[in-house]
Amino acid sequence: PDLAIVSNVTGAVASAEELCEPGYWV
């Protein structure tokens, strides 16, 4: 992502690696 994203899974700012991992979305 171009902007920081707070994850609804962790409640914290997500890393680009995390958001690009298919398992995160599952």
mmCIF file of all heavy atoms, coordinates in Angstrom:
data_MODEL
# 
_entry.id   MODEL 
# 
loop_
_atom_site.group_PDB 
_atom_site.id 
_atom_site.type_symbol 
_atom_site.label_atom_id 
_atom_site.label_alt_id 
_atom_site.label_comp_id 
_atom_site.label_asym_id 
_atom_site.label_entity_id 
_atom_site.label_seq_id 
_atom_site.pdbx_PDB_ins_code 
_atom_site.Cartn_x 
_atom_site.Cartn_y 
_atom_site.Cartn_z 
_atom_site.occupancy 
_atom_site.B_iso_or_equiv 
_atom_site.pdbx_formal_charge 
_atom_site.auth_seq_id 
_atom_site.auth_comp_id 
_atom_site.auth_asym_id 
_atom_site.auth_atom_id 
_atom_site.pdbx_PDB_model_num 
ATOM 1   N N   . PRO A 1 1  ? 0.831   -1.210  0.000  1.00 0.00 ? 1  PRO A N   1 
ATOM 2   C CA  . PRO A 1 1  ? 0.000   0.000   0.000  1.00 0.00 ? 1  PRO A CA  1 
ATOM 3   C C   . PRO A 1 1  ? 0.866   1.261   0.000  1.00 0.00 ? 1  PRO A C   1 
ATOM 4   O O   . PRO A 1 1  ? 2.002   1.256   0.472  1.00 0.00 ? 1  PRO A O   1 
ATOM 5   C CB  . PRO A 1 1  ? -0.789  -0.123  1.300  1.00 0.00 ? 1  PRO A CB  1 
ATOM 6   C CG  . PRO A 1 1  ? 0.046   -0.995  2.174  1.00 0.00 ? 1  PRO A CG  1 
ATOM 7   C CD  . PRO A 1 1  ? 0.783   -1.927  1.262  1.00 0.00 ? 1  PRO A CD  1 
ATOM 8   N N   . ASP A 1 2  ? 0.303   2.332   -0.544 1.00 0.00 ? 2  ASP A N   1 
ATOM 9   C CA  . ASP A 1 2  ? 0.992   3.622   -0.536 1.00 0.00 ? 2  ASP A CA  1 
ATOM 10  C C   . ASP A 1 2  ? 0.836   4.342   0.803  1.00 0.00 ? 2  ASP A C   1 
ATOM 11  O O   . ASP A 1 2  ? 1.646   5.192   1.155  1.00 0.00 ? 2  ASP A O   1 
ATOM 12  C CB  . ASP A 1 2  ? 0.452   4.521   -1.654 1.00 0.00 ? 2  ASP A CB  1 
ATOM 13  C CG  . ASP A 1 2  ? 0.822   4.011   -3.040 1.00 0.00 ? 2  ASP A CG  1 
ATOM 14  O OD1 . ASP A 1 2  ? 1.874   3.342   -3.172 1.00 0.00 ? 2  ASP A OD1 1 
ATOM 15  O OD2 . ASP A 1 2  ? 0.056   4.262   -3.987 1.00 0.00 ? 2  ASP A OD2 1 
ATOM 16  N N   . LEU A 1 3  ? -0.244  4.018   1.522  1.00 0.00 ? 3  LEU A N   1 
ATOM 17  C CA  . LEU A 1 3  ? -0.517  4.628   2.825  1.00 0.00 ? 3  LEU A CA  1 
ATOM 18  C C   . LEU A 1 3  ? -0.485  3.551   3.901  1.00 0.00 ? 3  LEU A C   1 
ATOM 19  O O   . LEU A 1 3  ? -0.750  2.378   3.624  1.00 0.00 ? 3  LEU A O   1 
ATOM 20  C CB  . LEU A 1 3  ? -1.909  5.276   2.823  1.00 0.00 ? 3  LEU A CB  1 
ATOM 21  C CG  . LEU A 1 3  ? -2.157  6.381   1.814  1.00 0.00 ? 3  LEU A CG  1 
ATOM 22  C CD1 . LEU A 1 3  ? -3.623  6.771   1.808  1.00 0.00 ? 3  LEU A CD1 1 
ATOM 23  C CD2 . LEU A 1 3  ? -1.287  7.588   2.138  1.00 0.00 ? 3  LEU A CD2 1 
ATOM 24  N N   . ALA A 1 4  ? -0.197  3.956   5.102  1.00 0.00 ? 4  ALA A N   1 
ATOM 25  C CA  . ALA A 1 4  ? -0.236  3.015   6.220  1.00 0.00 ? 4  ALA A CA  1 
ATOM 26  C C   . ALA A 1 4  ? -1.671  2.521   6.413  1.00 0.00 ? 4  ALA A C   1 
ATOM 27  O O   . ALA A 1 4  ? -2.624  3.283   6.261  1.00 0.00 ? 4  ALA A O   1 
ATOM 28  C CB  . ALA A 1 4  ? 0.275   3.686   7.485  1.00 0.00 ? 4  ALA A CB  1 
ATOM 29  N N   . ILE A 1 5  ? -1.792  1.258   6.748  1.00 0.00 ? 5  ILE A N   1 
ATOM 30  C CA  . ILE A 1 5  ? -3.098  0.643   6.982  1.00 0.00 ? 5  ILE A CA  1 
ATOM 31  C C   . ILE A 1 5  ? -3.088  0.005   8.361  1.00 0.00 ? 5  ILE A C   1 
ATOM 32  O O   . ILE A 1 5  ? -2.173  -0.740  8.700  1.00 0.00 ? 5  ILE A O   1 
ATOM 33  C CB  . ILE A 1 5  ? -3.405  -0.420  5.903  1.00 0.00 ? 5  ILE A CB  1 
ATOM 34  C CG1 . ILE A 1 5  ? -3.545  0.242   4.545  1.00 0.00 ? 5  ILE A CG1 1 
ATOM 35  C CG2 . ILE A 1 5  ? -4.662  -1.218  6.267  1.00 0.00 ? 5  ILE A CG2 1 
ATOM 36  C CD1 . ILE A 1 5  ? -3.776  -0.718  3.401  1.00 0.00 ? 5  ILE A CD1 1 
ATOM 37  N N   . VAL A 1 6  ? -4.118  0.300   9.134  1.00 0.00 ? 6  VAL A N   1 
ATOM 38  C CA  . VAL A 1 6  ? -4.278  -0.355  10.420 1.00 0.00 ? 6  VAL A CA  1 
ATOM 39  C C   . VAL A 1 6  ? -5.097  -1.611  10.180 1.00 0.00 ? 6  VAL A C   1 
ATOM 40  O O   . VAL A 1 6  ? -6.179  -1.568  9.600  1.00 0.00 ? 6  VAL A O   1 
ATOM 41  C CB  . VAL A 1 6  ? -4.959  0.569   11.448 1.00 0.00 ? 6  VAL A CB  1 
ATOM 42  C CG1 . VAL A 1 6  ? -5.305  -0.191  12.716 1.00 0.00 ? 6  VAL A CG1 1 
ATOM 43  C CG2 . VAL A 1 6  ? -4.054  1.745   11.774 1.00 0.00 ? 6  VAL A CG2 1 
ATOM 44  N N   . SER A 1 7  ? -4.571  -2.724  10.612 1.00 0.00 ? 7  SER A N   1 
ATOM 45  C CA  . SER A 1 7  ? -5.202  -4.021  10.409 1.00 0.00 ? 7  SER A CA  1 
ATOM 46  C C   . SER A 1 7  ? -6.346  -4.244  11.382 1.00 0.00 ? 7  SER A C   1 
ATOM 47  O O   . SER A 1 7  ? -6.188  -4.062  12.584 1.00 0.00 ? 7  SER A O   1 
ATOM 48  C CB  . SER A 1 7  ? -4.159  -5.131  10.608 1.00 0.00 ? 7  SER A CB  1 
ATOM 49  O OG  . SER A 1 7  ? -4.781  -6.385  10.711 1.00 0.00 ? 7  SER A OG  1 
ATOM 50  N N   . ASN A 1 8  ? -7.485  -4.678  10.864 1.00 0.00 ? 8  ASN A N   1 
ATOM 51  C CA  . ASN A 1 8  ? -8.587  -5.084  11.732 1.00 0.00 ? 8  ASN A CA  1 
ATOM 52  C C   . ASN A 1 8  ? -8.353  -6.461  12.323 1.00 0.00 ? 8  ASN A C   1 
ATOM 53  O O   . ASN A 1 8  ? -9.079  -6.888  13.205 1.00 0.00 ? 8  ASN A O   1 
ATOM 54  C CB  . ASN A 1 8  ? -9.913  -5.059  10.971 1.00 0.00 ? 8  ASN A CB  1 
ATOM 55  C CG  . ASN A 1 8  ? -10.531 -3.693  10.930 1.00 0.00 ? 8  ASN A CG  1 
ATOM 56  O OD1 . ASN A 1 8  ? -10.316 -2.885  11.824 1.00 0.00 ? 8  ASN A OD1 1 
ATOM 57  N ND2 . ASN A 1 8  ? -11.297 -3.426  9.908  1.00 0.00 ? 8  ASN A ND2 1 
ATOM 58  N N   . VAL A 1 9  ? -7.339  -7.173  11.831 1.00 0.00 ? 9  VAL A N   1 
ATOM 59  C CA  . VAL A 1 9  ? -7.011  -8.489  12.381 1.00 0.00 ? 9  VAL A CA  1 
ATOM 60  C C   . VAL A 1 9  ? -6.145  -8.341  13.626 1.00 0.00 ? 9  VAL A C   1 
ATOM 61  O O   . VAL A 1 9  ? -6.340  -9.037  14.616 1.00 0.00 ? 9  VAL A O   1 
ATOM 62  C CB  . VAL A 1 9  ? -6.293  -9.372  11.330 1.00 0.00 ? 9  VAL A CB  1 
ATOM 63  C CG1 . VAL A 1 9  ? -5.846  -10.692 11.934 1.00 0.00 ? 9  VAL A CG1 1 
ATOM 64  C CG2 . VAL A 1 9  ? -7.197  -9.619  10.132 1.00 0.00 ? 9  VAL A CG2 1 
ATOM 65  N N   . THR A 1 10 ? -5.195  -7.409  13.590 1.00 0.00 ? 10 THR A N   1 
ATOM 66  C CA  . THR A 1 10 ? -4.265  -7.250  14.711 1.00 0.00 ? 10 THR A CA  1 
ATOM 67  C C   . THR A 1 10 ? -4.541  -6.010  15.554 1.00 0.00 ? 10 THR A C   1 
ATOM 68  O O   . THR A 1 10 ? -4.095  -5.929  16.688 1.00 0.00 ? 10 THR A O   1 
ATOM 69  C CB  . THR A 1 10 ? -2.815  -7.158  14.203 1.00 0.00 ? 10 THR A CB  1 
ATOM 70  O OG1 . THR A 1 10 ? -2.663  -5.947  13.444 1.00 0.00 ? 10 THR A OG1 1 
ATOM 71  C CG2 . THR A 1 10 ? -2.444  -8.369  13.365 1.00 0.00 ? 10 THR A CG2 1 
ATOM 72  N N   . GLY A 1 11 ? -5.219  -5.020  14.990 1.00 0.00 ? 11 GLY A N   1 
ATOM 73  C CA  . GLY A 1 11 ? -5.434  -3.764  15.694 1.00 0.00 ? 11 GLY A CA  1 
ATOM 74  C C   . GLY A 1 11 ? -4.217  -2.864  15.687 1.00 0.00 ? 11 GLY A C   1 
ATOM 75  O O   . GLY A 1 11 ? -4.148  -1.901  16.427 1.00 0.00 ? 11 GLY A O   1 
ATOM 76  N N   . ALA A 1 12 ? -3.242  -3.182  14.841 1.00 0.00 ? 12 ALA A N   1 
ATOM 77  C CA  . ALA A 1 12 ? -2.005  -2.402  14.767 1.00 0.00 ? 12 ALA A CA  1 
ATOM 78  C C   . ALA A 1 12 ? -1.711  -2.064  13.305 1.00 0.00 ? 12 ALA A C   1 
ATOM 79  O O   . ALA A 1 12 ? -2.329  -2.625  12.392 1.00 0.00 ? 12 ALA A O   1 
ATOM 80  C CB  . ALA A 1 12 ? -0.846  -3.216  15.351 1.00 0.00 ? 12 ALA A CB  1 
ATOM 81  N N   . VAL A 1 13 ? -0.758  -1.157  13.091 1.00 0.00 ? 13 VAL A N   1 
ATOM 82  C CA  . VAL A 1 13 ? -0.353  -0.840  11.726 1.00 0.00 ? 13 VAL A CA  1 
ATOM 83  C C   . VAL A 1 13 ? 0.217   -2.107  11.098 1.00 0.00 ? 13 VAL A C   1 
ATOM 84  O O   . VAL A 1 13 ? 1.065   -2.785  11.688 1.00 0.00 ? 13 VAL A O   1 
ATOM 85  C CB  . VAL A 1 13 ? 0.687   0.300   11.703 1.00 0.00 ? 13 VAL A CB  1 
ATOM 86  C CG1 . VAL A 1 13 ? 1.186   0.552   10.288 1.00 0.00 ? 13 VAL A CG1 1 
ATOM 87  C CG2 . VAL A 1 13 ? 0.080   1.576   12.276 1.00 0.00 ? 13 VAL A CG2 1 
ATOM 88  N N   . ALA A 1 14 ? -0.280  -2.440  9.923  1.00 0.00 ? 14 ALA A N   1 
ATOM 89  C CA  . ALA A 1 14 ? 0.139   -3.663  9.231  1.00 0.00 ? 14 ALA A CA  1 
ATOM 90  C C   . ALA A 1 14 ? 1.349   -3.378  8.355  1.00 0.00 ? 14 ALA A C   1 
ATOM 91  O O   . ALA A 1 14 ? 1.456   -2.304  7.757  1.00 0.00 ? 14 ALA A O   1 
ATOM 92  C CB  . ALA A 1 14 ? -1.002  -4.196  8.371  1.00 0.00 ? 14 ALA A CB  1 
ATOM 93  N N   . SER A 1 15 ? 2.223   -4.341  8.265  1.00 0.00 ? 15 SER A N   1 
ATOM 94  C CA  . SER A 1 15 ? 3.368   -4.213  7.362  1.00 0.00 ? 15 SER A CA  1 
ATOM 95  C C   . SER A 1 15 ? 2.919   -4.543  5.942  1.00 0.00 ? 15 SER A C   1 
ATOM 96  O O   . SER A 1 15 ? 1.915   -5.241  5.729  1.00 0.00 ? 15 SER A O   1 
ATOM 97  C CB  . SER A 1 15 ? 4.483   -5.180  7.774  1.00 0.00 ? 15 SER A CB  1 
ATOM 98  O OG  . SER A 1 15 ? 4.077   -6.525  7.528  1.00 0.00 ? 15 SER A OG  1 
ATOM 99  N N   . ALA A 1 16 ? 3.658   -4.056  4.975  1.00 0.00 ? 16 ALA A N   1 
ATOM 100 C CA  . ALA A 1 16 ? 3.361   -4.367  3.573  1.00 0.00 ? 16 ALA A CA  1 
ATOM 101 C C   . ALA A 1 16 ? 3.432   -5.871  3.346  1.00 0.00 ? 16 ALA A C   1 
ATOM 102 O O   . ALA A 1 16 ? 2.602   -6.441  2.636  1.00 0.00 ? 16 ALA A O   1 
ATOM 103 C CB  . ALA A 1 16 ? 4.331   -3.637  2.651  1.00 0.00 ? 16 ALA A CB  1 
ATOM 104 N N   . GLU A 1 17 ? 4.400   -6.515  3.983  1.00 0.00 ? 17 GLU A N   1 
ATOM 105 C CA  . GLU A 1 17 ? 4.545   -7.967  3.830  1.00 0.00 ? 17 GLU A CA  1 
ATOM 106 C C   . GLU A 1 17 ? 3.301   -8.688  4.332  1.00 0.00 ? 17 GLU A C   1 
ATOM 107 O O   . GLU A 1 17 ? 2.819   -9.633  3.701  1.00 0.00 ? 17 GLU A O   1 
ATOM 108 C CB  . GLU A 1 17 ? 5.786   -8.476  4.579  1.00 0.00 ? 17 GLU A CB  1 
ATOM 109 C CG  . GLU A 1 17 ? 7.097   -7.985  4.013  1.00 0.00 ? 17 GLU A CG  1 
ATOM 110 C CD  . GLU A 1 17 ? 7.450   -6.545  4.426  1.00 0.00 ? 17 GLU A CD  1 
ATOM 111 O OE1 . GLU A 1 17 ? 6.895   -6.020  5.424  1.00 0.00 ? 17 GLU A OE1 1 
ATOM 112 O OE2 . GLU A 1 17 ? 8.275   -5.937  3.732  1.00 0.00 ? 17 GLU A OE2 1 
ATOM 113 N N   . GLU A 1 18 ? 2.786   -8.251  5.463  1.00 0.00 ? 18 GLU A N   1 
ATOM 114 C CA  . GLU A 1 18 ? 1.588   -8.868  6.035  1.00 0.00 ? 18 GLU A CA  1 
ATOM 115 C C   . GLU A 1 18 ? 0.400   -8.724  5.090  1.00 0.00 ? 18 GLU A C   1 
ATOM 116 O O   . GLU A 1 18 ? -0.315  -9.690  4.821  1.00 0.00 ? 18 GLU A O   1 
ATOM 117 C CB  . GLU A 1 18 ? 1.285   -8.206  7.380  1.00 0.00 ? 18 GLU A CB  1 
ATOM 118 C CG  . GLU A 1 18 ? 0.078   -8.766  8.096  1.00 0.00 ? 18 GLU A CG  1 
ATOM 119 C CD  . GLU A 1 18 ? -0.140  -8.077  9.437  1.00 0.00 ? 18 GLU A CD  1 
ATOM 120 O OE1 . GLU A 1 18 ? 0.356   -6.953  9.664  1.00 0.00 ? 18 GLU A OE1 1 
ATOM 121 O OE2 . GLU A 1 18 ? -0.832  -8.679  10.262 1.00 0.00 ? 18 GLU A OE2 1 
ATOM 122 N N   . LEU A 1 19 ? 0.195   -7.507  4.561  1.00 0.00 ? 19 LEU A N   1 
ATOM 123 C CA  . LEU A 1 19 ? -0.953  -7.246  3.692  1.00 0.00 ? 19 LEU A CA  1 
ATOM 124 C C   . LEU A 1 19 ? -0.832  -7.931  2.335  1.00 0.00 ? 19 LEU A C   1 
ATOM 125 O O   . LEU A 1 19 ? -1.834  -8.143  1.658  1.00 0.00 ? 19 LEU A O   1 
ATOM 126 C CB  . LEU A 1 19 ? -1.133  -5.741  3.498  1.00 0.00 ? 19 LEU A CB  1 
ATOM 127 C CG  . LEU A 1 19 ? -1.507  -4.972  4.770  1.00 0.00 ? 19 LEU A CG  1 
ATOM 128 C CD1 . LEU A 1 19 ? -1.490  -3.480  4.501  1.00 0.00 ? 19 LEU A CD1 1 
ATOM 129 C CD2 . LEU A 1 19 ? -2.853  -5.417  5.304  1.00 0.00 ? 19 LEU A CD2 1 
ATOM 130 N N   . CYS A 1 20 ? 0.366   -8.280  1.942  1.00 0.00 ? 20 CYS A N   1 
ATOM 131 C CA  . CYS A 1 20 ? 0.586   -8.963  0.661  1.00 0.00 ? 20 CYS A CA  1 
ATOM 132 C C   . CYS A 1 20 ? 0.592   -10.476 0.804  1.00 0.00 ? 20 CYS A C   1 
ATOM 133 O O   . CYS A 1 20 ? 0.791   -11.200 -0.173 1.00 0.00 ? 20 CYS A O   1 
ATOM 134 C CB  . CYS A 1 20 ? 1.893   -8.484  0.023  1.00 0.00 ? 20 CYS A CB  1 
ATOM 135 S SG  . CYS A 1 20 ? 1.804   -6.762  -0.527 1.00 0.00 ? 20 CYS A SG  1 
ATOM 136 N N   . GLU A 1 21 ? 0.362   -10.967 1.979  1.00 0.00 ? 21 GLU A N   1 
ATOM 137 C CA  . GLU A 1 21 ? 0.333   -12.397 2.259  1.00 0.00 ? 21 GLU A CA  1 
ATOM 138 C C   . GLU A 1 21 ? -1.116  -12.906 2.157  1.00 0.00 ? 21 GLU A C   1 
ATOM 139 O O   . GLU A 1 21 ? -1.990  -12.430 2.891  1.00 0.00 ? 21 GLU A O   1 
ATOM 140 C CB  . GLU A 1 21 ? 0.891   -12.648 3.661  1.00 0.00 ? 21 GLU A CB  1 
ATOM 141 C CG  . GLU A 1 21 ? 0.676   -14.021 4.205  1.00 0.00 ? 21 GLU A CG  1 
ATOM 142 C CD  . GLU A 1 21 ? 1.334   -15.096 3.373  1.00 0.00 ? 21 GLU A CD  1 
ATOM 143 O OE1 . GLU A 1 21 ? 2.451   -14.860 2.864  1.00 0.00 ? 21 GLU A OE1 1 
ATOM 144 O OE2 . GLU A 1 21 ? 0.741   -16.175 3.213  1.00 0.00 ? 21 GLU A OE2 1 
ATOM 145 N N   . PRO A 1 22 ? -1.414  -13.836 1.247  1.00 0.00 ? 22 PRO A N   1 
ATOM 146 C CA  . PRO A 1 22 ? -2.790  -14.340 1.105  1.00 0.00 ? 22 PRO A CA  1 
ATOM 147 C C   . PRO A 1 22 ? -3.393  -14.841 2.416  1.00 0.00 ? 22 PRO A C   1 
ATOM 148 O O   . PRO A 1 22 ? -4.581  -14.631 2.680  1.00 0.00 ? 22 PRO A O   1 
ATOM 149 C CB  . PRO A 1 22 ? -2.648  -15.470 0.093  1.00 0.00 ? 22 PRO A CB  1 
ATOM 150 C CG  . PRO A 1 22 ? -1.453  -15.107 -0.712 1.00 0.00 ? 22 PRO A CG  1 
ATOM 151 C CD  . PRO A 1 22 ? -0.517  -14.436 0.253  1.00 0.00 ? 22 PRO A CD  1 
ATOM 152 N N   . GLY A 1 23 ? -2.587  -15.462 3.265  1.00 0.00 ? 23 GLY A N   1 
ATOM 153 C CA  . GLY A 1 23 ? -3.097  -15.982 4.529  1.00 0.00 ? 23 GLY A CA  1 
ATOM 154 C C   . GLY A 1 23 ? -3.679  -14.906 5.426  1.00 0.00 ? 23 GLY A C   1 
ATOM 155 O O   . GLY A 1 23 ? -4.597  -15.167 6.221  1.00 0.00 ? 23 GLY A O   1 
ATOM 156 N N   . TYR A 1 24 ? -3.163  -13.681 5.311  1.00 0.00 ? 24 TYR A N   1 
ATOM 157 C CA  . TYR A 1 24 ? -3.700  -12.576 6.112  1.00 0.00 ? 24 TYR A CA  1 
ATOM 158 C C   . TYR A 1 24 ? -5.183  -12.379 5.799  1.00 0.00 ? 24 TYR A C   1 
ATOM 159 O O   . TYR A 1 24 ? -6.006  -12.214 6.696  1.00 0.00 ? 24 TYR A O   1 
ATOM 160 C CB  . TYR A 1 24 ? -2.926  -11.281 5.832  1.00 0.00 ? 24 TYR A CB  1 
ATOM 161 C CG  . TYR A 1 24 ? -3.601  -10.070 6.426  1.00 0.00 ? 24 TYR A CG  1 
ATOM 162 C CD1 . TYR A 1 24 ? -3.425  -9.742  7.762  1.00 0.00 ? 24 TYR A CD1 1 
ATOM 163 C CD2 . TYR A 1 24 ? -4.437  -9.265  5.657  1.00 0.00 ? 24 TYR A CD2 1 
ATOM 164 C CE1 . TYR A 1 24 ? -4.053  -8.651  8.323  1.00 0.00 ? 24 TYR A CE1 1 
ATOM 165 C CE2 . TYR A 1 24 ? -5.072  -8.170  6.205  1.00 0.00 ? 24 TYR A CE2 1 
ATOM 166 C CZ  . TYR A 1 24 ? -4.882  -7.869  7.541  1.00 0.00 ? 24 TYR A CZ  1 
ATOM 167 O OH  . TYR A 1 24 ? -5.534  -6.791  8.086  1.00 0.00 ? 24 TYR A OH  1 
ATOM 168 N N   . TRP A 1 25 ? -5.534  -12.407 4.514  1.00 0.00 ? 25 TRP A N   1 
ATOM 169 C CA  . TRP A 1 25 ? -6.905  -12.148 4.095  1.00 0.00 ? 25 TRP A CA  1 
ATOM 170 C C   . TRP A 1 25 ? -7.826  -13.309 4.451  1.00 0.00 ? 25 TRP A C   1 
ATOM 171 O O   . TRP A 1 25 ? -9.007  -13.100 4.735  1.00 0.00 ? 25 TRP A O   1 
ATOM 172 C CB  . TRP A 1 25 ? -6.942  -11.802 2.608  1.00 0.00 ? 25 TRP A CB  1 
ATOM 173 C CG  . TRP A 1 25 ? -6.136  -10.557 2.396  1.00 0.00 ? 25 TRP A CG  1 
ATOM 174 C CD1 . TRP A 1 25 ? -4.871  -10.466 1.908  1.00 0.00 ? 25 TRP A CD1 1 
ATOM 175 C CD2 . TRP A 1 25 ? -6.517  -9.232  2.772  1.00 0.00 ? 25 TRP A CD2 1 
ATOM 176 N NE1 . TRP A 1 25 ? -4.432  -9.154  1.942  1.00 0.00 ? 25 TRP A NE1 1 
ATOM 177 C CE2 . TRP A 1 25 ? -5.436  -8.379  2.469  1.00 0.00 ? 25 TRP A CE2 1 
ATOM 178 C CE3 . TRP A 1 25 ? -7.656  -8.680  3.348  1.00 0.00 ? 25 TRP A CE3 1 
ATOM 179 C CZ2 . TRP A 1 25 ? -5.472  -7.008  2.714  1.00 0.00 ? 25 TRP A CZ2 1 
ATOM 180 C CZ3 . TRP A 1 25 ? -7.691  -7.309  3.581  1.00 0.00 ? 25 TRP A CZ3 1 
ATOM 181 C CH2 . TRP A 1 25 ? -6.611  -6.495  3.269  1.00 0.00 ? 25 TRP A CH2 1 
ATOM 182 N N   . VAL A 1 26 ? -7.293  -14.511 4.513  1.00 0.00 ? 26 VAL A N   1 
ATOM 183 C CA  . VAL A 1 26 ? -8.076  -15.659 4.969  1.00 0.00 ? 26 VAL A CA  1 
ATOM 184 C C   . VAL A 1 26 ? -8.357  -15.494 6.465  1.00 0.00 ? 26 VAL A C   1 
ATOM 185 O O   . VAL A 1 26 ? -9.491  -15.689 6.921  1.00 0.00 ? 26 VAL A O   1 
ATOM 186 C CB  . VAL A 1 26 ? -7.338  -16.981 4.679  1.00 0.00 ? 26 VAL A CB  1 
ATOM 187 C CG1 . VAL A 1 26 ? -8.095  -18.169 5.260  1.00 0.00 ? 26 VAL A CG1 1 
ATOM 188 C CG2 . VAL A 1 26 ? -7.138  -17.155 3.169  1.00 0.00 ? 26 VAL A CG2 1 
# 
